[in-house]
Amino acid sequence: MPDSFGLYLVLTDPLAGYETCAEAAVGEGLRYIQLRMKDRPPEEVLAVGRHIREITRRTSTRFIMNDYVALAREVDADGVHLGQEDTPLPEARRLWPVRDRIFGLSTHSEKQAAAAEELHPDYIGVGPVFPTPTKRNPDPVLGLVRMQDIVSRAGVTTVAIGGINADNLPDVLSHGAVNFCVVRYVNDSRDPRSAIRELMDIWKSFRL
């Protein structure tokens, strides 16, 4: 049964700092936060990951590490998010055979989403919905109509991602997205808690 939780927050170079953003996410009761530190030394990622793990431990917020199964395992994260070119999902599960760990998978087309469902991830990312500079080599933009088609057909939990902010979130939600991922709108804010609350208030207005 697809899950509904609203904002999935990815932490990447937040202006307010990783710990402040993590504390804001926990304070606002977000279901997921993901640590994404591309091209950083493993020891730096581990250090930040351990701090976030302590902030999220014994809370309802689930801590996901991006890309690296070994690092996620090292910090005792709740799960790992994998891209299309990362460790294959079956191999990731073999490397981290701990009960109740969460495995997410990025998808960027109808074909990838269908193939992902065969692997039974806990959720799939669907995007990019809009253009975004957060990737060095961005995938082709899906747009709202293709995003809607993928989300409506999916038999697993979906998270729309890519260029989403408070201005375009209503369009994303009106096109069928149940959950959505945000990076820059929160990371670029010096008051992440207010940014998170604004996004979740918009989401809640569509759930009424």
Foldseek 3Di string as FASTA:
>chain_A
DADFFAEAEEEEQFPQDLLVLLLLCLVVPGQEYEYDYPPDDLVVVLVSLLSSCVSCPPGNHFYEYEQDLVSCVVSVGLEYEHEPPGDDPVVSCVVPVDPRRAYEYEDEALVRQVVVVVVPGQEYEYFPQDADPPDPDDDDGCHLQRSLVSLVPHPHHYEYEHPDALVCVVVNVVSPHRYYYDYCQQRHDNNNSVRVVSSVVSNVVSVD
